[in-house]
Amino acid sequence: MTAKELPAGMALGMSDSATPFHQEFVALFTEQFAGLRRFLDRLSGDPDLASDLAQDSFVKLYRRGSLPDRPNAWLVTVALNLFRNTRSTASRRLRLLTVERAEHVHADPPPSPESTTVALDRGRQVRLALDRLPERDRQLLLLRAEGMSYRDLAAVLHLNEASVGTLLARAKRAFRELYDDAFDPS
């Protein structure tokens, strides 16, 4: 999605002299959308879901009508809430389905012979290691990979800013251990 493809209604009634909020919103969207979508893709492993959640976060911001003090942190917080809601809805649906039906509906397709390439193996190894990390560590690593500052990490994840560096170091160490162990044959 680009700034020109903003969701319906966001550009309605806007003339060449758009409101200052609209102009700030478009600039923020242009600057932050790709990174937010990328973070959500890495978090969820589902590019379509990531795009939807990122777009929904920006729609909520636009409907708010004003930019918060720290828009990037606000967007990530909203996106994480939307992601949690999506996860809990999916989990609830799974519980409501019968075991046989759930296995059929949610089964992964069998791997193709091409899936043995080194790149896909690494991707699976990374995904496995990320999935095995505690949620806070996973979010810390992914948000930091998107360039979020320690201050914003502390705000988004409700942490003491002074402890972010230590928590990140621990999360990196845990990820490395899980990554190295992911395909260890022993």
C-alpha atoms as a PDB file:
ATOM      1  CA  MET A   1       0.000   0.000   0.000  1.00  0.00           C
ATOM      2  CA  THR A   2       1.301   3.452  -0.826  1.00  0.00           C
ATOM      3  CA  ALA A   3       0.284   6.880   0.400  1.00  0.00           C
ATOM      4  CA  LYS A   4      -1.698   7.315  -2.830  1.00  0.00           C
ATOM      5  CA  GLU A   5      -3.635   4.127  -2.040  1.00  0.00           C
ATOM      6  CA  LEU A   6      -4.796   5.205   1.418  1.00  0.00           C
ATOM      7  CA  PRO A   7      -7.937   3.383   2.557  1.00  0.00           C
ATOM      8  CA  ALA A   8     -11.246   4.705   1.282  1.00  0.00           C
ATOM      9  CA  GLY A   9     -12.440   7.697   3.224  1.00  0.00           C
ATOM     10  CA  MET A  10      -9.006   8.934   4.234  1.00  0.00           C
ATOM     11  CA  ALA A  11      -8.710  11.194   1.248  1.00  0.00           C
ATOM     12  CA  LEU A  12     -12.406  12.061   0.939  1.00  0.00           C
ATOM     13  CA  GLY A  13     -13.064  15.751   0.992  1.00  0.00           C
ATOM     14  CA  MET A  14      -9.394  16.637   0.932  1.00  0.00           C
ATOM     15  CA  SER A  15      -8.469  19.393  -1.452  1.00  0.00           C
ATOM     16  CA  ASP A  16      -5.005  20.519  -2.469  1.00  0.00           C
ATOM     17  CA  SER A  17      -4.825  22.359   0.834  1.00  0.00           C
ATOM     18  CA  ALA A  18      -5.217  19.249   2.992  1.00  0.00           C
ATOM     19  CA  THR A  19      -5.362  19.641   6.758  1.00  0.00           C
ATOM     20  CA  PRO A  20      -2.072  19.646   8.653  1.00  0.00           C
ATOM     21  CA  PHE A  21      -3.053  16.352  10.325  1.00  0.00           C
ATOM     22  CA  HIS A  22      -3.713  14.750   6.954  1.00  0.00           C
ATOM     23  CA  GLN A  23      -0.339  15.897   5.647  1.00  0.00           C
ATOM     24  CA  GLU A  24       1.442  14.649   8.796  1.00  0.00           C
ATOM     25  CA  PHE A  25      -0.449  11.364   8.539  1.00  0.00           C
ATOM     26  CA  VAL A  26       0.545  10.828   4.911  1.00  0.00           C
ATOM     27  CA  ALA A  27       4.191  11.569   5.755  1.00  0.00           C
ATOM     28  CA  LEU A  28       4.082   9.160   8.712  1.00  0.00           C
ATOM     29  CA  PHE A  29       2.365   6.506   6.611  1.00  0.00           C
ATOM     30  CA  THR A  30       4.981   6.824   3.874  1.00  0.00           C
ATOM     31  CA  GLU A  31       7.798   6.604   6.421  1.00  0.00           C
ATOM     32  CA  GLN A  32       6.480   3.892   8.765  1.00  0.00           C
ATOM     33  CA  PHE A  33       4.070   1.550   6.953  1.00  0.00           C
ATOM     34  CA  ALA A  34       6.666  -0.754   5.385  1.00  0.00           C
ATOM     35  CA  GLY A  35       8.557  -1.206   8.653  1.00  0.00           C
ATOM     36  CA  LEU A  36       5.395  -1.900  10.646  1.00  0.00           C
ATOM     37  CA  ARG A  37       4.218  -4.418   8.057  1.00  0.00           C
ATOM     38  CA  ARG A  38       7.634  -6.088   8.022  1.00  0.00           C
ATOM     39  CA  PHE A  39       7.642  -6.338  11.843  1.00  0.00           C
ATOM     40  CA  LEU A  40       4.163  -7.886  11.835  1.00  0.00           C
ATOM     41  CA  ASP A  41       5.150 -10.289   9.049  1.00  0.00           C
ATOM     42  CA  ARG A  42       8.130 -11.483  11.061  1.00  0.00           C
ATOM     43  CA  LEU A  43       6.028 -11.732  14.211  1.00  0.00           C
ATOM     44  CA  SER A  44       3.143 -13.618  12.625  1.00  0.00           C
ATOM     45  CA  GLY A  45       4.812 -15.444   9.747  1.00  0.00           C
ATOM     46  CA  ASP A  46       1.804 -14.465   7.609  1.00  0.00           C
ATOM     47  CA  PRO A  47       2.400 -11.632   5.077  1.00  0.00           C
ATOM     48  CA  ASP A  48      -1.303 -11.134   4.337  1.00  0.00           C
ATOM     49  CA  LEU A  49      -2.191 -10.857   8.014  1.00  0.00           C
ATOM     50  CA  ALA A  50       0.735  -8.483   8.533  1.00  0.00           C
ATOM     51  CA  SER A  51      -0.499  -6.181   5.751  1.00  0.00           C
ATOM     52  CA  ASP A  52      -4.029  -6.192   7.144  1.00  0.00           C
ATOM     53  CA  LEU A  53      -2.891  -5.433  10.690  1.00  0.00           C
ATOM     54  CA  ALA A  54      -0.549  -2.652   9.589  1.00  0.00           C
ATOM     55  CA  GLN A  55      -3.305  -1.071   7.513  1.00  0.00           C
ATOM     56  CA  ASP A  56      -5.818  -1.394  10.356  1.00  0.00           C
ATOM     57  CA  SER A  57      -3.346   0.313  12.710  1.00  0.00           C
ATOM     58  CA  PHE A  58      -3.042   3.283  10.367  1.00  0.00           C
ATOM     59  CA  VAL A  59      -6.815   3.420   9.905  1.00  0.00           C
ATOM     60  CA  LYS A  60      -7.211   3.635  13.698  1.00  0.00           C
ATOM     61  CA  LEU A  61      -4.637   6.424  13.793  1.00  0.00           C
ATOM     62  CA  TYR A  62      -6.433   8.341  11.050  1.00  0.00           C
ATOM     63  CA  ARG A  63      -9.785   7.957  12.795  1.00  0.00           C
ATOM     64  CA  ARG A  64      -8.166   9.250  15.969  1.00  0.00           C
ATOM     65  CA  GLY A  65      -7.735  12.552  14.163  1.00  0.00           C
ATOM     66  CA  SER A  66      -4.449  13.606  15.731  1.00  0.00           C
ATOM     67  CA  LEU A  67      -0.963  12.235  16.051  1.00  0.00           C
ATOM     68  CA  PRO A  68       0.108  10.993  19.481  1.00  0.00           C
ATOM     69  CA  ASP A  69       3.347  12.236  21.040  1.00  0.00           C
ATOM     70  CA  ARG A  70       5.207   9.139  19.813  1.00  0.00           C
ATOM     71  CA  PRO A  71       3.343   7.922  16.729  1.00  0.00           C
ATOM     72  CA  ASN A  72       5.667   4.993  15.967  1.00  0.00           C
ATOM     73  CA  ALA A  73       5.272   3.563  19.480  1.00  0.00           C
ATOM     74  CA  TRP A  74       1.502   4.154  19.333  1.00  0.00           C
ATOM     75  CA  LEU A  75       1.220   2.327  15.984  1.00  0.00           C
ATOM     76  CA  VAL A  76       3.223  -0.659  17.232  1.00  0.00           C
ATOM     77  CA  THR A  77       1.116  -0.854  20.398  1.00  0.00           C
ATOM     78  CA  VAL A  78      -2.113  -0.818  18.373  1.00  0.00           C
ATOM     79  CA  ALA A  79      -0.714  -3.382  15.922  1.00  0.00           C
ATOM     80  CA  LEU A  80       0.313  -5.710  18.772  1.00  0.00           C
ATOM     81  CA  ASN A  81      -3.172  -5.425  20.291  1.00  0.00           C
ATOM     82  CA  LEU A  82      -4.748  -6.238  16.928  1.00  0.00           C
ATOM     83  CA  PHE A  83      -2.353  -9.179  16.534  1.00  0.00           C
ATOM     84  CA  ARG A  84      -3.259 -10.526  20.003  1.00  0.00           C
ATOM     85  CA  ASN A  85      -6.962 -10.207  19.168  1.00  0.00           C
ATOM     86  CA  THR A  86      -6.450 -12.077  15.901  1.00  0.00           C
ATOM     87  CA  ARG A  87      -4.482 -14.824  17.651  1.00  0.00           C
ATOM     88  CA  SER A  88      -7.088 -15.286  20.387  1.00  0.00           C
ATOM     89  CA  THR A  89      -9.886 -15.406  17.804  1.00  0.00           C
ATOM     90  CA  ALA A  90      -8.015 -18.051  15.805  1.00  0.00           C
ATOM     91  CA  SER A  91      -7.319 -20.035  18.967  1.00  0.00           C
ATOM     92  CA  ARG A  92     -10.976 -19.874  19.987  1.00  0.00           C
ATOM     93  CA  ARG A  93     -12.063 -21.075  16.541  1.00  0.00           C
ATOM     94  CA  LEU A  94      -9.651 -23.987  16.729  1.00  0.00           C
ATOM     95  CA  ARG A  95     -11.071 -25.055  20.082  1.00  0.00           C
ATOM     96  CA  LEU A  96     -14.583 -24.949  18.656  1.00  0.00           C
ATOM     97  CA  LEU A  97     -13.757 -27.165  15.687  1.00  0.00           C
ATOM     98  CA  THR A  98     -13.633 -30.901  16.042  1.00  0.00           C
ATOM     99  CA  VAL A  99     -10.168 -32.413  16.097  1.00  0.00           C
ATOM    100  CA  GLU A 100     -10.590 -34.114  12.714  1.00  0.00           C
ATOM    101  CA  ARG A 101     -11.961 -31.003  11.082  1.00  0.00           C
ATOM    102  CA  ALA A 102      -9.329 -28.761  12.651  1.00  0.00           C
ATOM    103  CA  GLU A 103      -6.535 -30.983  11.391  1.00  0.00           C
ATOM    104  CA  HIS A 104      -7.987 -30.945   7.891  1.00  0.00           C
ATOM    105  CA  VAL A 105      -8.721 -27.214   7.799  1.00  0.00           C
ATOM    106  CA  HIS A 106      -5.474 -26.069   9.395  1.00  0.00           C
ATOM    107  CA  ALA A 107      -3.038 -28.668   8.144  1.00  0.00           C
ATOM    108  CA  ASP A 108       0.074 -27.452   6.373  1.00  0.00           C
ATOM    109  CA  PRO A 109       0.581 -28.770   2.862  1.00  0.00           C
ATOM    110  CA  PRO A 110       3.277 -31.419   2.578  1.00  0.00           C
ATOM    111  CA  PRO A 111       6.690 -29.948   1.824  1.00  0.00           C
ATOM    112  CA  SER A 112       7.787 -29.954  -1.762  1.00  0.00           C
ATOM    113  CA  PRO A 113      11.203 -31.251  -2.838  1.00  0.00           C
ATOM    114  CA  GLU A 114      12.306 -27.660  -3.478  1.00  0.00           C
ATOM    115  CA  SER A 115      11.740 -26.803   0.189  1.00  0.00           C
ATOM    116  CA  THR A 116      15.058 -28.377   1.063  1.00  0.00           C
ATOM    117  CA  THR A 117      17.067 -25.443  -0.198  1.00  0.00           C
ATOM    118  CA  VAL A 118      19.408 -23.749   2.209  1.00  0.00           C
ATOM    119  CA  ALA A 119      17.434 -20.499   2.241  1.00  0.00           C
ATOM    120  CA  LEU A 120      14.208 -22.198   3.263  1.00  0.00           C
ATOM    121  CA  ASP A 121      16.008 -24.242   5.904  1.00  0.00           C
ATOM    122  CA  ARG A 122      17.424 -21.075   7.393  1.00  0.00           C
ATOM    123  CA  GLY A 123      14.013 -19.432   7.291  1.00  0.00           C
ATOM    124  CA  ARG A 124      12.486 -22.352   9.143  1.00  0.00           C
ATOM    125  CA  GLN A 125      15.330 -22.361  11.616  1.00  0.00           C
ATOM    126  CA  VAL A 126      14.797 -18.659  12.313  1.00  0.00           C
ATOM    127  CA  ARG A 127      11.016 -19.076  12.583  1.00  0.00           C
ATOM    128  CA  LEU A 128      11.418 -22.058  14.939  1.00  0.00           C
ATOM    129  CA  ALA A 129      13.843 -20.161  17.137  1.00  0.00           C
ATOM    130  CA  LEU A 130      11.574 -17.087  17.178  1.00  0.00           C
ATOM    131  CA  ASP A 131       8.511 -19.155  18.012  1.00  0.00           C
ATOM    132  CA  ARG A 132      10.305 -20.781  20.938  1.00  0.00           C
ATOM    133  CA  LEU A 133      11.311 -17.454  22.463  1.00  0.00           C
ATOM    134  CA  PRO A 134       9.107 -15.879  25.113  1.00  0.00           C
ATOM    135  CA  GLU A 135       6.778 -13.311  23.543  1.00  0.00           C
ATOM    136  CA  ARG A 136       8.559 -10.321  25.111  1.00  0.00           C
ATOM    137  CA  ASP A 137      11.960 -11.459  23.789  1.00  0.00           C
ATOM    138  CA  ARG A 138      10.536 -12.060  20.302  1.00  0.00           C
ATOM    139  CA  GLN A 139       8.918  -8.627  20.242  1.00  0.00           C
ATOM    140  CA  LEU A 140      12.078  -6.947  21.558  1.00  0.00           C
ATOM    141  CA  LEU A 141      14.243  -8.512  18.847  1.00  0.00           C
ATOM    142  CA  LEU A 142      11.823  -7.856  16.007  1.00  0.00           C
ATOM    143  CA  LEU A 143      11.100  -4.263  16.992  1.00  0.00           C
ATOM    144  CA  ARG A 144      14.792  -3.528  17.486  1.00  0.00           C
ATOM    145  CA  ALA A 145      15.487  -5.060  14.054  1.00  0.00           C
ATOM    146  CA  GLU A 146      13.057  -2.473  12.684  1.00  0.00           C
ATOM    147  CA  GLY A 147      15.183   0.278  14.229  1.00  0.00           C
ATOM    148  CA  MET A 148      13.042   1.125  17.230  1.00  0.00           C
ATOM    149  CA  SER A 149      14.914   3.018  19.955  1.00  0.00           C
ATOM    150  CA  TYR A 150      15.350   1.728  23.498  1.00  0.00           C
ATOM    151  CA  ARG A 151      12.998   4.473  24.665  1.00  0.00           C
ATOM    152  CA  ASP A 152      10.260   3.402  22.256  1.00  0.00           C
ATOM    153  CA  LEU A 153      10.818  -0.272  23.085  1.00  0.00           C
ATOM    154  CA  ALA A 154      10.355   0.544  26.756  1.00  0.00           C
ATOM    155  CA  ALA A 155       7.145   2.469  26.033  1.00  0.00           C
ATOM    156  CA  VAL A 156       5.612  -0.117  23.714  1.00  0.00           C
ATOM    157  CA  LEU A 157       6.453  -3.146  25.839  1.00  0.00           C
ATOM    158  CA  HIS A 158       5.932  -1.426  29.219  1.00  0.00           C
ATOM    159  CA  LEU A 159       9.528  -1.892  30.357  1.00  0.00           C
ATOM    160  CA  ASN A 160      11.967   0.225  32.346  1.00  0.00           C
ATOM    161  CA  GLU A 161      14.081   2.025  29.753  1.00  0.00           C
ATOM    162  CA  ALA A 162      17.250   1.298  31.743  1.00  0.00           C
ATOM    163  CA  SER A 163      16.653  -2.459  31.479  1.00  0.00           C
ATOM    164  CA  VAL A 164      16.048  -2.610  27.715  1.00  0.00           C
ATOM    165  CA  GLY A 165      19.731  -3.131  26.843  1.00  0.00           C
ATOM    166  CA  THR A 166      20.083  -6.040  29.266  1.00  0.00           C
ATOM    167  CA  LEU A 167      16.819  -7.612  28.130  1.00  0.00           C
ATOM    168  CA  LEU A 168      17.879  -7.280  24.485  1.00  0.00           C
ATOM    169  CA  ALA A 169      21.231  -8.914  25.184  1.00  0.00           C
ATOM    170  CA  ARG A 170      19.506 -11.817  26.934  1.00  0.00           C
ATOM    171  CA  ALA A 171      16.984 -12.155  24.102  1.00  0.00           C
ATOM    172  CA  LYS A 172      19.784 -12.216  21.512  1.00  0.00           C
ATOM    173  CA  ARG A 173      21.658 -14.877  23.470  1.00  0.00           C
ATOM    174  CA  ALA A 174      18.497 -16.991  23.845  1.00  0.00           C
ATOM    175  CA  PHE A 175      17.758 -16.632  20.126  1.00  0.00           C
ATOM    176  CA  ARG A 176      21.302 -17.708  19.178  1.00  0.00           C
ATOM    177  CA  GLU A 177      21.045 -20.782  21.400  1.00  0.00           C
ATOM    178  CA  LEU A 178      17.638 -21.736  20.009  1.00  0.00           C
ATOM    179  CA  TYR A 179      18.792 -21.057  16.443  1.00  0.00           C
ATOM    180  CA  ASP A 180      21.887 -23.243  16.858  1.00  0.00           C
ATOM    181  CA  ASP A 181      19.838 -26.009  18.500  1.00  0.00           C
ATOM    182  CA  ALA A 182      16.969 -25.877  15.965  1.00  0.00           C
ATOM    183  CA  PHE A 183      18.500 -28.433  13.587  1.00  0.00           C
ATOM    184  CA  ASP A 184      21.109 -29.994  15.844  1.00  0.00           C
ATOM    185  CA  PRO A 185      20.823 -33.747  15.211  1.00  0.00           C
ATOM    186  CA  SER A 186      21.934 -34.693  18.742  1.00  0.00           C
END
